[in-house]
Amino acid sequence: LVAADAIVSLLIVVVVFVCARLRS
């Protein structure tokens, strides 16, 4: 459960970072 939570959190951070870079 901890590993799955870390993976999902990392995935969310990566998606937000990519979207922010594309917009800027």
mmCIF file of all heavy atoms, coordinates in Angstrom:
data_MODEL
# 
_entry.id   MODEL 
# 
loop_
_atom_site.group_PDB 
_atom_site.id 
_atom_site.type_symbol 
_atom_site.label_atom_id 
_atom_site.label_alt_id 
_atom_site.label_comp_id 
_atom_site.label_asym_id 
_atom_site.label_entity_id 
_atom_site.label_seq_id 
_atom_site.pdbx_PDB_ins_code 
_atom_site.Cartn_x 
_atom_site.Cartn_y 
_atom_site.Cartn_z 
_atom_site.occupancy 
_atom_site.B_iso_or_equiv 
_atom_site.pdbx_formal_charge 
_atom_site.auth_seq_id 
_atom_site.auth_comp_id 
_atom_site.auth_asym_id 
_atom_site.auth_atom_id 
_atom_site.pdbx_PDB_model_num 
ATOM 1   N N   . LEU A 1 1  ? 0.829  -1.210 0.000   1.00 0.00 ? 1  LEU A N   1 
ATOM 2   C CA  . LEU A 1 1  ? 0.000  0.000  0.000   1.00 0.00 ? 1  LEU A CA  1 
ATOM 3   C C   . LEU A 1 1  ? 0.863  1.260  0.000   1.00 0.00 ? 1  LEU A C   1 
ATOM 4   O O   . LEU A 1 1  ? 0.564  2.226  -0.710  1.00 0.00 ? 1  LEU A O   1 
ATOM 5   C CB  . LEU A 1 1  ? -0.928 0.000  1.216   1.00 0.00 ? 1  LEU A CB  1 
ATOM 6   C CG  . LEU A 1 1  ? -2.083 -0.987 1.165   1.00 0.00 ? 1  LEU A CG  1 
ATOM 7   C CD1 . LEU A 1 1  ? -2.818 -1.003 2.511   1.00 0.00 ? 1  LEU A CD1 1 
ATOM 8   C CD2 . LEU A 1 1  ? -3.038 -0.654 0.044   1.00 0.00 ? 1  LEU A CD2 1 
ATOM 9   N N   . VAL A 1 2  ? 1.933  1.253  0.773   1.00 0.00 ? 2  VAL A N   1 
ATOM 10  C CA  . VAL A 1 2  ? 2.829  2.417  0.808   1.00 0.00 ? 2  VAL A CA  1 
ATOM 11  C C   . VAL A 1 2  ? 3.501  2.602  -0.545  1.00 0.00 ? 2  VAL A C   1 
ATOM 12  O O   . VAL A 1 2  ? 3.606  3.725  -1.060  1.00 0.00 ? 2  VAL A O   1 
ATOM 13  C CB  . VAL A 1 2  ? 3.867  2.262  1.941   1.00 0.00 ? 2  VAL A CB  1 
ATOM 14  C CG1 . VAL A 1 2  ? 4.957  3.319  1.835   1.00 0.00 ? 2  VAL A CG1 1 
ATOM 15  C CG2 . VAL A 1 2  ? 3.185  2.348  3.291   1.00 0.00 ? 2  VAL A CG2 1 
ATOM 16  N N   . ALA A 1 3  ? 3.940  1.501  -1.158  1.00 0.00 ? 3  ALA A N   1 
ATOM 17  C CA  . ALA A 1 3  ? 4.591  1.595  -2.468  1.00 0.00 ? 3  ALA A CA  1 
ATOM 18  C C   . ALA A 1 3  ? 3.611  2.088  -3.531  1.00 0.00 ? 3  ALA A C   1 
ATOM 19  O O   . ALA A 1 3  ? 3.967  2.930  -4.362  1.00 0.00 ? 3  ALA A O   1 
ATOM 20  C CB  . ALA A 1 3  ? 5.163  0.237  -2.860  1.00 0.00 ? 3  ALA A CB  1 
ATOM 21  N N   . ALA A 1 4  ? 2.391  1.570  -3.516  1.00 0.00 ? 4  ALA A N   1 
ATOM 22  C CA  . ALA A 1 4  ? 1.393  2.003  -4.490  1.00 0.00 ? 4  ALA A CA  1 
ATOM 23  C C   . ALA A 1 4  ? 1.067  3.485  -4.303  1.00 0.00 ? 4  ALA A C   1 
ATOM 24  O O   . ALA A 1 4  ? 0.920  4.218  -5.282  1.00 0.00 ? 4  ALA A O   1 
ATOM 25  C CB  . ALA A 1 4  ? 0.132  1.157  -4.359  1.00 0.00 ? 4  ALA A CB  1 
ATOM 26  N N   . ASP A 1 5  ? 0.978  3.927  -3.057  1.00 0.00 ? 5  ASP A N   1 
ATOM 27  C CA  . ASP A 1 5  ? 0.706  5.333  -2.791  1.00 0.00 ? 5  ASP A CA  1 
ATOM 28  C C   . ASP A 1 5  ? 1.844  6.209  -3.296  1.00 0.00 ? 5  ASP A C   1 
ATOM 29  O O   . ASP A 1 5  ? 1.614  7.262  -3.894  1.00 0.00 ? 5  ASP A O   1 
ATOM 30  C CB  . ASP A 1 5  ? 0.501  5.547  -1.292  1.00 0.00 ? 5  ASP A CB  1 
ATOM 31  C CG  . ASP A 1 5  ? 0.187  6.989  -0.961  1.00 0.00 ? 5  ASP A CG  1 
ATOM 32  O OD1 . ASP A 1 5  ? -0.692 7.563  -1.636  1.00 0.00 ? 5  ASP A OD1 1 
ATOM 33  O OD2 . ASP A 1 5  ? 0.808  7.537  -0.040  1.00 0.00 ? 5  ASP A OD2 1 
ATOM 34  N N   . ALA A 1 6  ? 3.081  5.770  -3.097  1.00 0.00 ? 6  ALA A N   1 
ATOM 35  C CA  . ALA A 1 6  ? 4.233  6.537  -3.573  1.00 0.00 ? 6  ALA A CA  1 
ATOM 36  C C   . ALA A 1 6  ? 4.249  6.613  -5.096  1.00 0.00 ? 6  ALA A C   1 
ATOM 37  O O   . ALA A 1 6  ? 4.533  7.671  -5.666  1.00 0.00 ? 6  ALA A O   1 
ATOM 38  C CB  . ALA A 1 6  ? 5.523  5.909  -3.051  1.00 0.00 ? 6  ALA A CB  1 
ATOM 39  N N   . ILE A 1 7  ? 3.920  5.515  -5.761  1.00 0.00 ? 7  ILE A N   1 
ATOM 40  C CA  . ILE A 1 7  ? 3.919  5.497  -7.226  1.00 0.00 ? 7  ILE A CA  1 
ATOM 41  C C   . ILE A 1 7  ? 2.837  6.423  -7.774  1.00 0.00 ? 7  ILE A C   1 
ATOM 42  O O   . ILE A 1 7  ? 3.075  7.198  -8.703  1.00 0.00 ? 7  ILE A O   1 
ATOM 43  C CB  . ILE A 1 7  ? 3.750  4.057  -7.743  1.00 0.00 ? 7  ILE A CB  1 
ATOM 44  C CG1 . ILE A 1 7  ? 5.025  3.250  -7.456  1.00 0.00 ? 7  ILE A CG1 1 
ATOM 45  C CG2 . ILE A 1 7  ? 3.435  4.038  -9.229  1.00 0.00 ? 7  ILE A CG2 1 
ATOM 46  C CD1 . ILE A 1 7  ? 4.880  1.778  -7.711  1.00 0.00 ? 7  ILE A CD1 1 
ATOM 47  N N   . VAL A 1 8  ? 1.651  6.357  -7.206  1.00 0.00 ? 8  VAL A N   1 
ATOM 48  C CA  . VAL A 1 8  ? 0.557  7.220  -7.680  1.00 0.00 ? 8  VAL A CA  1 
ATOM 49  C C   . VAL A 1 8  ? 0.880  8.687  -7.417  1.00 0.00 ? 8  VAL A C   1 
ATOM 50  O O   . VAL A 1 8  ? 0.642  9.543  -8.266  1.00 0.00 ? 8  VAL A O   1 
ATOM 51  C CB  . VAL A 1 8  ? -0.779 6.793  -7.022  1.00 0.00 ? 8  VAL A CB  1 
ATOM 52  C CG1 . VAL A 1 8  ? -1.863 7.824  -7.290  1.00 0.00 ? 8  VAL A CG1 1 
ATOM 53  C CG2 . VAL A 1 8  ? -1.197 5.429  -7.522  1.00 0.00 ? 8  VAL A CG2 1 
ATOM 54  N N   . SER A 1 9  ? 1.449  8.987  -6.258  1.00 0.00 ? 9  SER A N   1 
ATOM 55  C CA  . SER A 1 9  ? 1.820  10.366 -5.950  1.00 0.00 ? 9  SER A CA  1 
ATOM 56  C C   . SER A 1 9  ? 2.883  10.873 -6.917  1.00 0.00 ? 9  SER A C   1 
ATOM 57  O O   . SER A 1 9  ? 2.807  12.007 -7.401  1.00 0.00 ? 9  SER A O   1 
ATOM 58  C CB  . SER A 1 9  ? 2.340  10.474 -4.515  1.00 0.00 ? 9  SER A CB  1 
ATOM 59  O OG  . SER A 1 9  ? 1.326  10.122 -3.609  1.00 0.00 ? 9  SER A OG  1 
ATOM 60  N N   . LEU A 1 10 ? 3.866  10.040 -7.213  1.00 0.00 ? 10 LEU A N   1 
ATOM 61  C CA  . LEU A 1 10 ? 4.908  10.422 -8.163  1.00 0.00 ? 10 LEU A CA  1 
ATOM 62  C C   . LEU A 1 10 ? 4.333  10.628 -9.558  1.00 0.00 ? 10 LEU A C   1 
ATOM 63  O O   . LEU A 1 10 ? 4.705  11.567 -10.256 1.00 0.00 ? 10 LEU A O   1 
ATOM 64  C CB  . LEU A 1 10 ? 5.999  9.356  -8.190  1.00 0.00 ? 10 LEU A CB  1 
ATOM 65  C CG  . LEU A 1 10 ? 7.244  9.674  -8.990  1.00 0.00 ? 10 LEU A CG  1 
ATOM 66  C CD1 . LEU A 1 10 ? 7.940  10.905 -8.421  1.00 0.00 ? 10 LEU A CD1 1 
ATOM 67  C CD2 . LEU A 1 10 ? 8.189  8.489  -8.997  1.00 0.00 ? 10 LEU A CD2 1 
ATOM 68  N N   . LEU A 1 11 ? 3.399  9.789  -9.950  1.00 0.00 ? 11 LEU A N   1 
ATOM 69  C CA  . LEU A 1 11 ? 2.753  9.930  -11.251 1.00 0.00 ? 11 LEU A CA  1 
ATOM 70  C C   . LEU A 1 11 ? 1.991  11.247 -11.340 1.00 0.00 ? 11 LEU A C   1 
ATOM 71  O O   . LEU A 1 11 ? 2.064  11.954 -12.349 1.00 0.00 ? 11 LEU A O   1 
ATOM 72  C CB  . LEU A 1 11 ? 1.819  8.752  -11.507 1.00 0.00 ? 11 LEU A CB  1 
ATOM 73  C CG  . LEU A 1 11 ? 1.101  8.732  -12.846 1.00 0.00 ? 11 LEU A CG  1 
ATOM 74  C CD1 . LEU A 1 11 ? 2.100  8.538  -13.971 1.00 0.00 ? 11 LEU A CD1 1 
ATOM 75  C CD2 . LEU A 1 11 ? 0.078  7.616  -12.871 1.00 0.00 ? 11 LEU A CD2 1 
ATOM 76  N N   . ILE A 1 12 ? 1.298  11.623 -10.282 1.00 0.00 ? 12 ILE A N   1 
ATOM 77  C CA  . ILE A 1 12 ? 0.557  12.887 -10.263 1.00 0.00 ? 12 ILE A CA  1 
ATOM 78  C C   . ILE A 1 12 ? 1.520  14.067 -10.371 1.00 0.00 ? 12 ILE A C   1 
ATOM 79  O O   . ILE A 1 12 ? 1.279  15.010 -11.133 1.00 0.00 ? 12 ILE A O   1 
ATOM 80  C CB  . ILE A 1 12 ? -0.306 12.990 -8.989  1.00 0.00 ? 12 ILE A CB  1 
ATOM 81  C CG1 . ILE A 1 12 ? -1.447 11.979 -9.055  1.00 0.00 ? 12 ILE A CG1 1 
ATOM 82  C CG2 . ILE A 1 12 ? -0.843 14.398 -8.791  1.00 0.00 ? 12 ILE A CG2 1 
ATOM 83  C CD1 . ILE A 1 12 ? -2.217 11.839 -7.766  1.00 0.00 ? 12 ILE A CD1 1 
ATOM 84  N N   . VAL A 1 13 ? 2.631  14.012 -9.646  1.00 0.00 ? 13 VAL A N   1 
ATOM 85  C CA  . VAL A 1 13 ? 3.618  15.094 -9.696  1.00 0.00 ? 13 VAL A CA  1 
ATOM 86  C C   . VAL A 1 13 ? 4.196  15.222 -11.101 1.00 0.00 ? 13 VAL A C   1 
ATOM 87  O O   . VAL A 1 13 ? 4.354  16.332 -11.629 1.00 0.00 ? 13 VAL A O   1 
ATOM 88  C CB  . VAL A 1 13 ? 4.726  14.865 -8.647  1.00 0.00 ? 13 VAL A CB  1 
ATOM 89  C CG1 . VAL A 1 13 ? 5.906  15.795 -8.871  1.00 0.00 ? 13 VAL A CG1 1 
ATOM 90  C CG2 . VAL A 1 13 ? 4.177  15.044 -7.249  1.00 0.00 ? 13 VAL A CG2 1 
ATOM 91  N N   . VAL A 1 14 ? 4.508  14.106 -11.735 1.00 0.00 ? 14 VAL A N   1 
ATOM 92  C CA  . VAL A 1 14 ? 5.074  14.135 -13.089 1.00 0.00 ? 14 VAL A CA  1 
ATOM 93  C C   . VAL A 1 14 ? 4.076  14.720 -14.079 1.00 0.00 ? 14 VAL A C   1 
ATOM 94  O O   . VAL A 1 14 ? 4.436  15.552 -14.921 1.00 0.00 ? 14 VAL A O   1 
ATOM 95  C CB  . VAL A 1 14 ? 5.531  12.725 -13.517 1.00 0.00 ? 14 VAL A CB  1 
ATOM 96  C CG1 . VAL A 1 14 ? 5.833  12.652 -14.997 1.00 0.00 ? 14 VAL A CG1 1 
ATOM 97  C CG2 . VAL A 1 14 ? 6.751  12.306 -12.711 1.00 0.00 ? 14 VAL A CG2 1 
ATOM 98  N N   . VAL A 1 15 ? 2.819  14.321 -13.990 1.00 0.00 ? 15 VAL A N   1 
ATOM 99  C CA  . VAL A 1 15 ? 1.800  14.832 -14.915 1.00 0.00 ? 15 VAL A CA  1 
ATOM 100 C C   . VAL A 1 15 ? 1.626  16.338 -14.730 1.00 0.00 ? 15 VAL A C   1 
ATOM 101 O O   . VAL A 1 15 ? 1.559  17.091 -15.712 1.00 0.00 ? 15 VAL A O   1 
ATOM 102 C CB  . VAL A 1 15 ? 0.465  14.085 -14.716 1.00 0.00 ? 15 VAL A CB  1 
ATOM 103 C CG1 . VAL A 1 15 ? -0.674 14.794 -15.427 1.00 0.00 ? 15 VAL A CG1 1 
ATOM 104 C CG2 . VAL A 1 15 ? 0.590  12.653 -15.215 1.00 0.00 ? 15 VAL A CG2 1 
ATOM 105 N N   . VAL A 1 16 ? 1.579  16.800 -13.494 1.00 0.00 ? 16 VAL A N   1 
ATOM 106 C CA  . VAL A 1 16 ? 1.434  18.235 -13.241 1.00 0.00 ? 16 VAL A CA  1 
ATOM 107 C C   . VAL A 1 16 ? 2.656  18.989 -13.756 1.00 0.00 ? 16 VAL A C   1 
ATOM 108 O O   . VAL A 1 16 ? 2.535  20.056 -14.380 1.00 0.00 ? 16 VAL A O   1 
ATOM 109 C CB  . VAL A 1 16 ? 1.211  18.503 -11.731 1.00 0.00 ? 16 VAL A CB  1 
ATOM 110 C CG1 . VAL A 1 16 ? 1.351  19.978 -11.404 1.00 0.00 ? 16 VAL A CG1 1 
ATOM 111 C CG2 . VAL A 1 16 ? -0.150 17.980 -11.312 1.00 0.00 ? 16 VAL A CG2 1 
ATOM 112 N N   . PHE A 1 17 ? 3.847  18.455 -13.543 1.00 0.00 ? 17 PHE A N   1 
ATOM 113 C CA  . PHE A 1 17 ? 5.068  19.101 -14.015 1.00 0.00 ? 17 PHE A CA  1 
ATOM 114 C C   . PHE A 1 17 ? 5.093  19.200 -15.540 1.00 0.00 ? 17 PHE A C   1 
ATOM 115 O O   . PHE A 1 17 ? 5.414  20.244 -16.100 1.00 0.00 ? 17 PHE A O   1 
ATOM 116 C CB  . PHE A 1 17 ? 6.287  18.320 -13.511 1.00 0.00 ? 17 PHE A CB  1 
ATOM 117 C CG  . PHE A 1 17 ? 7.592  18.898 -13.945 1.00 0.00 ? 17 PHE A CG  1 
ATOM 118 C CD1 . PHE A 1 17 ? 8.083  20.054 -13.373 1.00 0.00 ? 17 PHE A CD1 1 
ATOM 119 C CD2 . PHE A 1 17 ? 8.330  18.288 -14.941 1.00 0.00 ? 17 PHE A CD2 1 
ATOM 120 C CE1 . PHE A 1 17 ? 9.285  20.596 -13.775 1.00 0.00 ? 17 PHE A CE1 1 
ATOM 121 C CE2 . PHE A 1 17 ? 9.538  18.821 -15.353 1.00 0.00 ? 17 PHE A CE2 1 
ATOM 122 C CZ  . PHE A 1 17 ? 10.015 19.978 -14.767 1.00 0.00 ? 17 PHE A CZ  1 
ATOM 123 N N   . VAL A 1 18 ? 4.726  18.120 -16.219 1.00 0.00 ? 18 VAL A N   1 
ATOM 124 C CA  . VAL A 1 18 ? 4.723  18.121 -17.688 1.00 0.00 ? 18 VAL A CA  1 
ATOM 125 C C   . VAL A 1 18 ? 3.696  19.118 -18.216 1.00 0.00 ? 18 VAL A C   1 
ATOM 126 O O   . VAL A 1 18 ? 3.972  19.878 -19.141 1.00 0.00 ? 18 VAL A O   1 
ATOM 127 C CB  . VAL A 1 18 ? 4.468  16.700 -18.232 1.00 0.00 ? 18 VAL A CB  1 
ATOM 128 C CG1 . VAL A 1 18 ? 4.173  16.719 -19.713 1.00 0.00 ? 18 VAL A CG1 1 
ATOM 129 C CG2 . VAL A 1 18 ? 5.674  15.815 -17.954 1.00 0.00 ? 18 VAL A CG2 1 
ATOM 130 N N   . CYS A 1 19 ? 2.512  19.121 -17.627 1.00 0.00 ? 19 CYS A N   1 
ATOM 131 C CA  . CYS A 1 19 ? 1.477  20.060 -18.079 1.00 0.00 ? 19 CYS A CA  1 
ATOM 132 C C   . CYS A 1 19 ? 1.901  21.505 -17.834 1.00 0.00 ? 19 CYS A C   1 
ATOM 133 O O   . CYS A 1 19 ? 1.641  22.379 -18.659 1.00 0.00 ? 19 CYS A O   1 
ATOM 134 C CB  . CYS A 1 19 ? 0.160  19.774 -17.376 1.00 0.00 ? 19 CYS A CB  1 
ATOM 135 S SG  . CYS A 1 19 ? -0.620 18.247 -17.915 1.00 0.00 ? 19 CYS A SG  1 
ATOM 136 N N   . ALA A 1 20 ? 2.555  21.767 -16.711 1.00 0.00 ? 20 ALA A N   1 
ATOM 137 C CA  . ALA A 1 20 ? 3.003  23.129 -16.413 1.00 0.00 ? 20 ALA A CA  1 
ATOM 138 C C   . ALA A 1 20 ? 4.092  23.562 -17.384 1.00 0.00 ? 20 ALA A C   1 
ATOM 139 O O   . ALA A 1 20 ? 4.129  24.717 -17.811 1.00 0.00 ? 20 ALA A O   1 
ATOM 140 C CB  . ALA A 1 20 ? 3.506  23.210 -14.979 1.00 0.00 ? 20 ALA A CB  1 
ATOM 141 N N   . ARG A 1 21 ? 4.985  22.665 -17.749 1.00 0.00 ? 21 ARG A N   1 
ATOM 142 C CA  . ARG A 1 21 ? 6.037  23.019 -18.708 1.00 0.00 ? 21 ARG A CA  1 
ATOM 143 C C   . ARG A 1 21 ? 5.468  23.294 -20.083 1.00 0.00 ? 21 ARG A C   1 
ATOM 144 O O   . ARG A 1 21 ? 5.911  24.190 -20.776 1.00 0.00 ? 21 ARG A O   1 
ATOM 145 C CB  . ARG A 1 21 ? 7.066  21.891 -18.806 1.00 0.00 ? 21 ARG A CB  1 
ATOM 146 C CG  . ARG A 1 21 ? 8.122  21.981 -17.758 1.00 0.00 ? 21 ARG A CG  1 
ATOM 147 C CD  . ARG A 1 21 ? 9.185  20.968 -18.050 1.00 0.00 ? 21 ARG A CD  1 
ATOM 148 N NE  . ARG A 1 21 ? 9.915  21.326 -19.253 1.00 0.00 ? 21 ARG A NE  1 
ATOM 149 C CZ  . ARG A 1 21 ? 11.213 21.489 -19.315 1.00 0.00 ? 21 ARG A CZ  1 
ATOM 150 N NH1 . ARG A 1 21 ? 11.911 21.347 -18.219 1.00 0.00 ? 21 ARG A NH1 1 
ATOM 151 N NH2 . ARG A 1 21 ? 11.813 21.783 -20.434 1.00 0.00 ? 21 ARG A NH2 1 
ATOM 152 N N   . LEU A 1 22 ? 4.486  22.504 -20.495 1.00 0.00 ? 22 LEU A N   1 
ATOM 153 C CA  . LEU A 1 22 ? 3.893  22.716 -21.811 1.00 0.00 ? 22 LEU A CA  1 
ATOM 154 C C   . LEU A 1 22 ? 3.144  24.036 -21.882 1.00 0.00 ? 22 LEU A C   1 
ATOM 155 O O   . LEU A 1 22 ? 3.109  24.687 -22.921 1.00 0.00 ? 22 LEU A O   1 
ATOM 156 C CB  . LEU A 1 22 ? 2.959  21.560 -22.162 1.00 0.00 ? 22 LEU A CB  1 
ATOM 157 C CG  . LEU A 1 22 ? 3.637  20.217 -22.434 1.00 0.00 ? 22 LEU A CG  1 
ATOM 158 C CD1 . LEU A 1 22 ? 2.581  19.146 -22.680 1.00 0.00 ? 22 LEU A CD1 1 
ATOM 159 C CD2 . LEU A 1 22 ? 4.588  20.309 -23.604 1.00 0.00 ? 22 LEU A CD2 1 
ATOM 160 N N   . ARG A 1 23 ? 2.543  24.438 -20.782 1.00 0.00 ? 23 ARG A N   1 
ATOM 161 C CA  . ARG A 1 23 ? 1.795  25.695 -20.767 1.00 0.00 ? 23 ARG A CA  1 
ATOM 162 C C   . ARG A 1 23 ? 2.689  26.908 -20.704 1.00 0.00 ? 23 ARG A C   1 
ATOM 163 O O   . ARG A 1 23 ? 2.326  27.972 -21.183 1.00 0.00 ? 23 ARG A O   1 
ATOM 164 C CB  . ARG A 1 23 ? 0.871  25.729 -19.553 1.00 0.00 ? 23 ARG A CB  1 
ATOM 165 C CG  . ARG A 1 23 ? -0.442 25.102 -19.843 1.00 0.00 ? 23 ARG A CG  1 
ATOM 166 C CD  . ARG A 1 23 ? -1.392 25.539 -18.809 1.00 0.00 ? 23 ARG A CD  1 
ATOM 167 N NE  . ARG A 1 23 ? -2.634 25.814 -19.521 1.00 0.00 ? 23 ARG A NE  1 
ATOM 168 C CZ  . ARG A 1 23 ? -3.697 26.257 -18.975 1.00 0.00 ? 23 ARG A CZ  1 
ATOM 169 N NH1 . ARG A 1 23 ? -3.703 26.513 -17.712 1.00 0.00 ? 23 ARG A NH1 1 
ATOM 170 N NH2 . ARG A 1 23 ? -4.776 26.464 -19.664 1.00 0.00 ? 23 ARG A NH2 1 
ATOM 171 N N   . SER A 1 24 ? 3.853  26.785 -20.071 1.00 0.00 ? 24 SER A N   1 
ATOM 172 C CA  . SER A 1 24 ? 4.695  27.969 -19.870 1.00 0.00 ? 24 SER A CA  1 
ATOM 173 C C   . SER A 1 24 ? 5.526  28.311 -21.097 1.00 0.00 ? 24 SER A C   1 
ATOM 174 O O   . SER A 1 24 ? 6.121  29.371 -21.144 1.00 0.00 ? 24 SER A O   1 
ATOM 175 C CB  . SER A 1 24 ? 5.624  27.748 -18.671 1.00 0.00 ? 24 SER A CB  1 
ATOM 176 O OG  . SER A 1 24 ? 6.561  26.725 -18.965 1.00 0.00 ? 24 SER A OG  1 
# 
